[in-house]
Structure formats: C-alpha cells, structure tokens
Amino acid sequence: MPPAGDGVNLAMLDAMELALSIVRHEGEWDKAIEAYEQKMYAYSSETAKMAYAQFKLMMSENAVTKIKQLFE
C-alpha cells in the first residue's frame, strides 16, 4: 500500500480487532486469527484502494493543479 497517512490508524485498529478476536474465541488461536483476518482484509482493502487512488493522483500529469482543484 502506498503511504497515505493511514498506517498508524490501521495499526491501532488491527491491534484492537485482534485483541477482541482473541478474547471472543477464548484461546482458540486459529479461529481467532482467521476471524480477525477476514475483518481486517475487508477494511484494509478499502483503505488500500483509496491510498492507491491518491498515489495515482499525486503522480499524474498536472498533479498540483488537480490536487488544488480537489481541495477547492
């Protein structure tokens, strides 16, 4: 995933979701990790798509103008 400022937020969300999954599955590590990964893939794939779109915009021709228009 290209850097887009979401890394720390995703890492904290990942830690919380994994901890909750471990508690919910009461020591059944394989089930806890599987449940966590399914949830993590869903939200992280959306973030990755947005990060890639931002990356493409920043690397495009006339990027400064396009980004300025986006903020306006």
PDB file of N, CA and C in Angstrom:
ATOM      1  N   MET A   1       0.853  -1.163   0.000  1.00  0.00           N
ATOM      2  CA  MET A   1       0.000   0.000   0.000  1.00  0.00           C
ATOM      3  C   MET A   1       0.903   1.231   0.000  1.00  0.00           C
ATOM      4  N   PRO A   2       0.663   2.179  -0.877  1.00  0.00           N
ATOM      5  CA  PRO A   2       1.472   3.401  -0.855  1.00  0.00           C
ATOM      6  C   PRO A   2       1.162   4.210   0.403  1.00  0.00           C
ATOM      7  N   PRO A   3       2.137   4.980   0.877  1.00  0.00           N
ATOM      8  CA  PRO A   3       1.884   5.779   2.081  1.00  0.00           C
ATOM      9  C   PRO A   3       0.826   6.844   1.823  1.00  0.00           C
ATOM     10  N   ALA A   4      -0.152   6.900   2.704  1.00  0.00           N
ATOM     11  CA  ALA A   4      -1.218   7.900   2.561  1.00  0.00           C
ATOM     12  C   ALA A   4      -1.640   8.452   3.911  1.00  0.00           C
ATOM     13  N   GLY A   5      -0.839   8.181   4.942  1.00  0.00           N
ATOM     14  CA  GLY A   5      -1.155   8.703   6.264  1.00  0.00           C
ATOM     15  C   GLY A   5      -2.108   7.840   7.065  1.00  0.00           C
ATOM     16  N   ASP A   6      -2.362   6.620   6.624  1.00  0.00           N
ATOM     17  CA  ASP A   6      -3.309   5.748   7.325  1.00  0.00           C
ATOM     18  C   ASP A   6      -2.635   4.651   8.142  1.00  0.00           C
ATOM     19  N   GLY A   7      -1.330   4.535   8.034  1.00  0.00           N
ATOM     20  CA  GLY A   7      -0.629   3.406   8.643  1.00  0.00           C
ATOM     21  C   GLY A   7      -0.819   3.260  10.135  1.00  0.00           C
ATOM     22  N   VAL A   8      -0.616   4.318  10.889  1.00  0.00           N
ATOM     23  CA  VAL A   8      -0.745   4.237  12.346  1.00  0.00           C
ATOM     24  C   VAL A   8      -2.184   3.950  12.739  1.00  0.00           C
ATOM     25  N   ASN A   9      -3.124   4.603  12.070  1.00  0.00           N
ATOM     26  CA  ASN A   9      -4.530   4.354  12.396  1.00  0.00           C
ATOM     27  C   ASN A   9      -4.908   2.903  12.126  1.00  0.00           C
ATOM     28  N   LEU A  10      -4.453   2.359  11.005  1.00  0.00           N
ATOM     29  CA  LEU A  10      -4.743   0.945  10.711  1.00  0.00           C
ATOM     30  C   LEU A  10      -4.060   0.026  11.711  1.00  0.00           C
ATOM     31  N   ALA A  11      -2.842   0.345  12.106  1.00  0.00           N
ATOM     32  CA  ALA A  11      -2.126  -0.492  13.069  1.00  0.00           C
ATOM     33  C   ALA A  11      -2.864  -0.543  14.406  1.00  0.00           C
ATOM     34  N   MET A  12      -3.369   0.598  14.857  1.00  0.00           N
ATOM     35  CA  MET A  12      -4.118   0.613  16.120  1.00  0.00           C
ATOM     36  C   MET A  12      -5.429  -0.158  15.981  1.00  0.00           C
ATOM     37  N   LEU A  13      -6.112   0.010  14.856  1.00  0.00           N
ATOM     38  CA  LEU A  13      -7.351  -0.735  14.620  1.00  0.00           C
ATOM     39  C   LEU A  13      -7.059  -2.230  14.548  1.00  0.00           C
ATOM     40  N   ASP A  14      -5.985  -2.605  13.864  1.00  0.00           N
ATOM     41  CA  ASP A  14      -5.595  -4.016  13.782  1.00  0.00           C
ATOM     42  C   ASP A  14      -5.357  -4.605  15.173  1.00  0.00           C
ATOM     43  N   ALA A  15      -4.619  -3.885  16.003  1.00  0.00           N
ATOM     44  CA  ALA A  15      -4.323  -4.374  17.355  1.00  0.00           C
ATOM     45  C   ALA A  15      -5.602  -4.584  18.150  1.00  0.00           C
ATOM     46  N   MET A  16      -6.522  -3.634  18.067  1.00  0.00           N
ATOM     47  CA  MET A  16      -7.778  -3.748  18.791  1.00  0.00           C
ATOM     48  C   MET A  16      -8.604  -4.927  18.282  1.00  0.00           C
ATOM     49  N   GLU A  17      -8.729  -5.040  16.957  1.00  0.00           N
ATOM     50  CA  GLU A  17      -9.539  -6.123  16.388  1.00  0.00           C
ATOM     51  C   GLU A  17      -8.956  -7.495  16.713  1.00  0.00           C
ATOM     52  N   LEU A  18      -7.633  -7.608  16.668  1.00  0.00           N
ATOM     53  CA  LEU A  18      -7.008  -8.885  17.000  1.00  0.00           C
ATOM     54  C   LEU A  18      -7.235  -9.224  18.466  1.00  0.00           C
ATOM     55  N   ALA A  19      -7.060  -8.248  19.351  1.00  0.00           N
ATOM     56  CA  ALA A  19      -7.289  -8.491  20.777  1.00  0.00           C
ATOM     57  C   ALA A  19      -8.729  -8.924  21.043  1.00  0.00           C
ATOM     58  N   LEU A  20      -9.681  -8.237  20.426  1.00  0.00           N
ATOM     59  CA  LEU A  20     -11.089  -8.602  20.604  1.00  0.00           C
ATOM     60  C   LEU A  20     -11.369 -10.007  20.080  1.00  0.00           C
ATOM     61  N   SER A  21     -10.775 -10.349  18.968  1.00  0.00           N
ATOM     62  CA  SER A  21     -10.986 -11.681  18.396  1.00  0.00           C
ATOM     63  C   SER A  21     -10.409 -12.764  19.307  1.00  0.00           C
ATOM     64  N   ILE A  22      -9.257 -12.501  19.892  1.00  0.00           N
ATOM     65  CA  ILE A  22      -8.645 -13.468  20.819  1.00  0.00           C
ATOM     66  C   ILE A  22      -9.550 -13.674  22.029  1.00  0.00           C
ATOM     67  N   VAL A  23     -10.097 -12.587  22.566  1.00  0.00           N
ATOM     68  CA  VAL A  23     -10.992 -12.690  23.715  1.00  0.00           C
ATOM     69  C   VAL A  23     -12.268 -13.445  23.335  1.00  0.00           C
ATOM     70  N   ARG A  24     -12.821 -13.135  22.173  1.00  0.00           N
ATOM     71  CA  ARG A  24     -14.073 -13.785  21.748  1.00  0.00           C
ATOM     72  C   ARG A  24     -13.903 -15.283  21.508  1.00  0.00           C
ATOM     73  N   HIS A  25     -12.722 -15.690  21.085  1.00  0.00           N
ATOM     74  CA  HIS A  25     -12.511 -17.099  20.755  1.00  0.00           C
ATOM     75  C   HIS A  25     -11.812 -17.869  21.865  1.00  0.00           C
ATOM     76  N   GLU A  26     -11.674 -17.274  23.016  1.00  0.00           N
ATOM     77  CA  GLU A  26     -11.209 -17.931  24.249  1.00  0.00           C
ATOM     78  C   GLU A  26     -10.079 -18.944  24.045  1.00  0.00           C
ATOM     79  N   GLY A  27      -8.978 -18.484  23.498  1.00  0.00           N
ATOM     80  CA  GLY A  27      -7.798 -19.338  23.386  1.00  0.00           C
ATOM     81  C   GLY A  27      -7.748 -20.218  22.150  1.00  0.00           C
ATOM     82  N   GLU A  28      -8.755 -20.195  21.326  1.00  0.00           N
ATOM     83  CA  GLU A  28      -8.717 -20.951  20.067  1.00  0.00           C
ATOM     84  C   GLU A  28      -8.017 -20.062  19.042  1.00  0.00           C
ATOM     85  N   TRP A  29      -6.691 -20.117  19.066  1.00  0.00           N
ATOM     86  CA  TRP A  29      -5.855 -19.188  18.312  1.00  0.00           C
ATOM     87  C   TRP A  29      -6.146 -19.189  16.819  1.00  0.00           C
ATOM     88  N   ASP A  30      -6.270 -20.368  16.237  1.00  0.00           N
ATOM     89  CA  ASP A  30      -6.516 -20.441  14.789  1.00  0.00           C
ATOM     90  C   ASP A  30      -7.831 -19.752  14.406  1.00  0.00           C
ATOM     91  N   LYS A  31      -8.870 -20.009  15.166  1.00  0.00           N
ATOM     92  CA  LYS A  31     -10.169 -19.382  14.882  1.00  0.00           C
ATOM     93  C   LYS A  31     -10.109 -17.878  15.117  1.00  0.00           C
ATOM     94  N   ALA A  32      -9.409 -17.470  16.168  1.00  0.00           N
ATOM     95  CA  ALA A  32      -9.289 -16.047  16.474  1.00  0.00           C
ATOM     96  C   ALA A  32      -8.577 -15.308  15.346  1.00  0.00           C
ATOM     97  N   ILE A  33      -7.494 -15.873  14.870  1.00  0.00           N
ATOM     98  CA  ILE A  33      -6.729 -15.225  13.801  1.00  0.00           C
ATOM     99  C   ILE A  33      -7.519 -15.223  12.498  1.00  0.00           C
ATOM    100  N   GLU A  34      -8.187 -16.323  12.205  1.00  0.00           N
ATOM    101  CA  GLU A  34      -8.985 -16.392  10.973  1.00  0.00           C
ATOM    102  C   GLU A  34     -10.106 -15.340  10.984  1.00  0.00           C
ATOM    103  N   ALA A  35     -10.804 -15.231  12.104  1.00  0.00           N
ATOM    104  CA  ALA A  35     -11.888 -14.245  12.205  1.00  0.00           C
ATOM    105  C   ALA A  35     -11.338 -12.823  12.089  1.00  0.00           C
ATOM    106  N   TYR A  36     -10.208 -12.578  12.757  1.00  0.00           N
ATOM    107  CA  TYR A  36      -9.580 -11.257  12.680  1.00  0.00           C
ATOM    108  C   TYR A  36      -9.171 -10.932  11.245  1.00  0.00           C
ATOM    109  N   GLU A  37      -8.532 -11.890  10.574  1.00  0.00           N
ATOM    110  CA  GLU A  37      -8.046 -11.634   9.213  1.00  0.00           C
ATOM    111  C   GLU A  37      -9.185 -11.329   8.250  1.00  0.00           C
ATOM    112  N   GLN A  38     -10.296 -12.020   8.372  1.00  0.00           N
ATOM    113  CA  GLN A  38     -11.431 -11.740   7.491  1.00  0.00           C
ATOM    114  C   GLN A  38     -11.900 -10.305   7.659  1.00  0.00           C
ATOM    115  N   LYS A  39     -12.004  -9.860   8.898  1.00  0.00           N
ATOM    116  CA  LYS A  39     -12.433  -8.495   9.163  1.00  0.00           C
ATOM    117  C   LYS A  39     -11.378  -7.497   8.691  1.00  0.00           C
ATOM    118  N   MET A  40     -10.110  -7.788   8.975  1.00  0.00           N
ATOM    119  CA  MET A  40      -9.010  -6.895   8.615  1.00  0.00           C
ATOM    120  C   MET A  40      -8.895  -6.730   7.107  1.00  0.00           C
ATOM    121  N   TYR A  41      -9.035  -7.805   6.359  1.00  0.00           N
ATOM    122  CA  TYR A  41      -8.943  -7.707   4.896  1.00  0.00           C
ATOM    123  C   TYR A  41     -10.037  -6.805   4.334  1.00  0.00           C
ATOM    124  N   ALA A  42     -11.217  -6.864   4.927  1.00  0.00           N
ATOM    125  CA  ALA A  42     -12.332  -6.046   4.437  1.00  0.00           C
ATOM    126  C   ALA A  42     -12.025  -4.559   4.579  1.00  0.00           C
ATOM    127  N   TYR A  43     -11.609  -4.131   5.773  1.00  0.00           N
ATOM    128  CA  TYR A  43     -11.385  -2.689   5.929  1.00  0.00           C
ATOM    129  C   TYR A  43     -10.053  -2.238   5.357  1.00  0.00           C
ATOM    130  N   SER A  44      -9.041  -3.079   5.391  1.00  0.00           N
ATOM    131  CA  SER A  44      -7.745  -2.634   4.861  1.00  0.00           C
ATOM    132  C   SER A  44      -7.741  -2.576   3.333  1.00  0.00           C
ATOM    133  N   SER A  45      -8.529  -3.414   2.683  1.00  0.00           N
ATOM    134  CA  SER A  45      -8.568  -3.357   1.221  1.00  0.00           C
ATOM    135  C   SER A  45      -9.211  -2.057   0.747  1.00  0.00           C
ATOM    136  N   GLU A  46     -10.204  -1.569   1.470  1.00  0.00           N
ATOM    137  CA  GLU A  46     -10.818  -0.287   1.118  1.00  0.00           C
ATOM    138  C   GLU A  46      -9.812   0.851   1.294  1.00  0.00           C
ATOM    139  N   THR A  47      -9.066   0.810   2.381  1.00  0.00           N
ATOM    140  CA  THR A  47      -8.049   1.838   2.620  1.00  0.00           C
ATOM    141  C   THR A  47      -6.962   1.765   1.560  1.00  0.00           C
ATOM    142  N   ALA A  48      -6.578   0.566   1.166  1.00  0.00           N
ATOM    143  CA  ALA A  48      -5.556   0.406   0.128  1.00  0.00           C
ATOM    144  C   ALA A  48      -6.023   0.978  -1.203  1.00  0.00           C
ATOM    145  N   LYS A  49      -7.277   0.758  -1.539  1.00  0.00           N
ATOM    146  CA  LYS A  49      -7.823   1.314  -2.790  1.00  0.00           C
ATOM    147  C   LYS A  49      -7.781   2.839  -2.773  1.00  0.00           C
ATOM    148  N   MET A  50      -8.169   3.439  -1.644  1.00  0.00           N
ATOM    149  CA  MET A  50      -8.139   4.899  -1.547  1.00  0.00           C
ATOM    150  C   MET A  50      -6.698   5.417  -1.599  1.00  0.00           C
ATOM    151  N   ALA A  51      -5.784   4.729  -0.929  1.00  0.00           N
ATOM    152  CA  ALA A  51      -4.383   5.153  -0.930  1.00  0.00           C
ATOM    153  C   ALA A  51      -3.799   5.079  -2.336  1.00  0.00           C
ATOM    154  N   TYR A  52      -4.149   4.036  -3.070  1.00  0.00           N
ATOM    155  CA  TYR A  52      -3.648   3.892  -4.437  1.00  0.00           C
ATOM    156  C   TYR A  52      -4.207   4.981  -5.346  1.00  0.00           C
ATOM    157  N   ALA A  53      -5.477   5.305  -5.157  1.00  0.00           N
ATOM    158  CA  ALA A  53      -6.080   6.379  -5.958  1.00  0.00           C
ATOM    159  C   ALA A  53      -5.382   7.709  -5.668  1.00  0.00           C
ATOM    160  N   GLN A  54      -5.088   7.973  -4.401  1.00  0.00           N
ATOM    161  CA  GLN A  54      -4.364   9.195  -4.034  1.00  0.00           C
ATOM    162  C   GLN A  54      -2.964   9.196  -4.644  1.00  0.00           C
ATOM    163  N   PHE A  55      -2.309   8.049  -4.599  1.00  0.00           N
ATOM    164  CA  PHE A  55      -0.963   7.916  -5.162  1.00  0.00           C
ATOM    165  C   PHE A  55      -0.980   8.203  -6.663  1.00  0.00           C
ATOM    166  N   LYS A  56      -1.945   7.611  -7.376  1.00  0.00           N
ATOM    167  CA  LYS A  56      -2.046   7.852  -8.817  1.00  0.00           C
ATOM    168  C   LYS A  56      -2.293   9.329  -9.108  1.00  0.00           C
ATOM    169  N   LEU A  57      -3.133   9.965  -8.301  1.00  0.00           N
ATOM    170  CA  LEU A  57      -3.400  11.385  -8.488  1.00  0.00           C
ATOM    171  C   LEU A  57      -2.119  12.198  -8.290  1.00  0.00           C
ATOM    172  N   MET A  58      -1.368  11.890  -7.249  1.00  0.00           N
ATOM    173  CA  MET A  58      -0.147  12.642  -6.956  1.00  0.00           C
ATOM    174  C   MET A  58       0.944  12.437  -8.004  1.00  0.00           C
ATOM    175  N   MET A  59       0.909  11.324  -8.696  1.00  0.00           N
ATOM    176  CA  MET A  59       1.916  11.030  -9.703  1.00  0.00           C
ATOM    177  C   MET A  59       1.448  11.350 -11.119  1.00  0.00           C
ATOM    178  N   SER A  60       0.249  11.861 -11.237  1.00  0.00           N
ATOM    179  CA  SER A  60      -0.306  12.133 -12.565  1.00  0.00           C
ATOM    180  C   SER A  60       0.246  13.437 -13.131  1.00  0.00           C
ATOM    181  N   GLU A  61       0.010  13.615 -14.413  1.00  0.00           N
ATOM    182  CA  GLU A  61       0.394  14.857 -15.077  1.00  0.00           C
ATOM    183  C   GLU A  61      -0.468  15.992 -14.499  1.00  0.00           C
ATOM    184  N   ASN A  62       0.135  17.125 -14.278  1.00  0.00           N
ATOM    185  CA  ASN A  62      -0.550  18.288 -13.691  1.00  0.00           C
ATOM    186  C   ASN A  62      -1.132  17.984 -12.311  1.00  0.00           C
ATOM    187  N   ALA A  63      -0.412  17.196 -11.532  1.00  0.00           N
ATOM    188  CA  ALA A  63      -0.899  16.770 -10.217  1.00  0.00           C
ATOM    189  C   ALA A  63      -1.204  17.954  -9.302  1.00  0.00           C
ATOM    190  N   VAL A  64      -0.343  18.944  -9.307  1.00  0.00           N
ATOM    191  CA  VAL A  64      -0.557  20.087  -8.412  1.00  0.00           C
ATOM    192  C   VAL A  64      -1.884  20.767  -8.722  1.00  0.00           C
ATOM    193  N   THR A  65      -2.171  20.969  -9.970  1.00  0.00           N
ATOM    194  CA  THR A  65      -3.429  21.608 -10.372  1.00  0.00           C
ATOM    195  C   THR A  65      -4.618  20.739  -9.969  1.00  0.00           C
ATOM    196  N   LYS A  66      -4.517  19.442 -10.206  1.00  0.00           N
ATOM    197  CA  LYS A  66      -5.621  18.528  -9.864  1.00  0.00           C
ATOM    198  C   LYS A  66      -5.866  18.477  -8.360  1.00  0.00           C
ATOM    199  N   ILE A  67      -4.797  18.444  -7.576  1.00  0.00           N
ATOM    200  CA  ILE A  67      -4.944  18.406  -6.130  1.00  0.00           C
ATOM    201  C   ILE A  67      -5.524  19.717  -5.620  1.00  0.00           C
ATOM    202  N   LYS A  68      -5.073  20.821  -6.183  1.00  0.00           N
ATOM    203  CA  LYS A  68      -5.611  22.133  -5.814  1.00  0.00           C
ATOM    204  C   LYS A  68      -7.114  22.163  -6.099  1.00  0.00           C
ATOM    205  N   GLN A  69      -7.529  21.680  -7.249  1.00  0.00           N
ATOM    206  CA  GLN A  69      -8.950  21.649  -7.597  1.00  0.00           C
ATOM    207  C   GLN A  69      -9.729  20.752  -6.644  1.00  0.00           C
ATOM    208  N   LEU A  70      -9.125  19.674  -6.236  1.00  0.00           N
ATOM    209  CA  LEU A  70      -9.778  18.763  -5.289  1.00  0.00           C
ATOM    210  C   LEU A  70     -10.067  19.468  -3.961  1.00  0.00           C
ATOM    211  N   PHE A  71      -9.119  20.260  -3.504  1.00  0.00           N
ATOM    212  CA  PHE A  71      -9.306  20.970  -2.242  1.00  0.00           C
ATOM    213  C   PHE A  71     -10.262  22.154  -2.353  1.00  0.00           C
ATOM    214  N   GLU A  72     -10.390  22.669  -3.546  1.00  0.00           N
ATOM    215  CA  GLU A  72     -11.300  23.794  -3.742  1.00  0.00           C
ATOM    216  C   GLU A  72     -12.713  23.280  -3.838  1.00  0.00           C
TER     217      GLU A  72
END
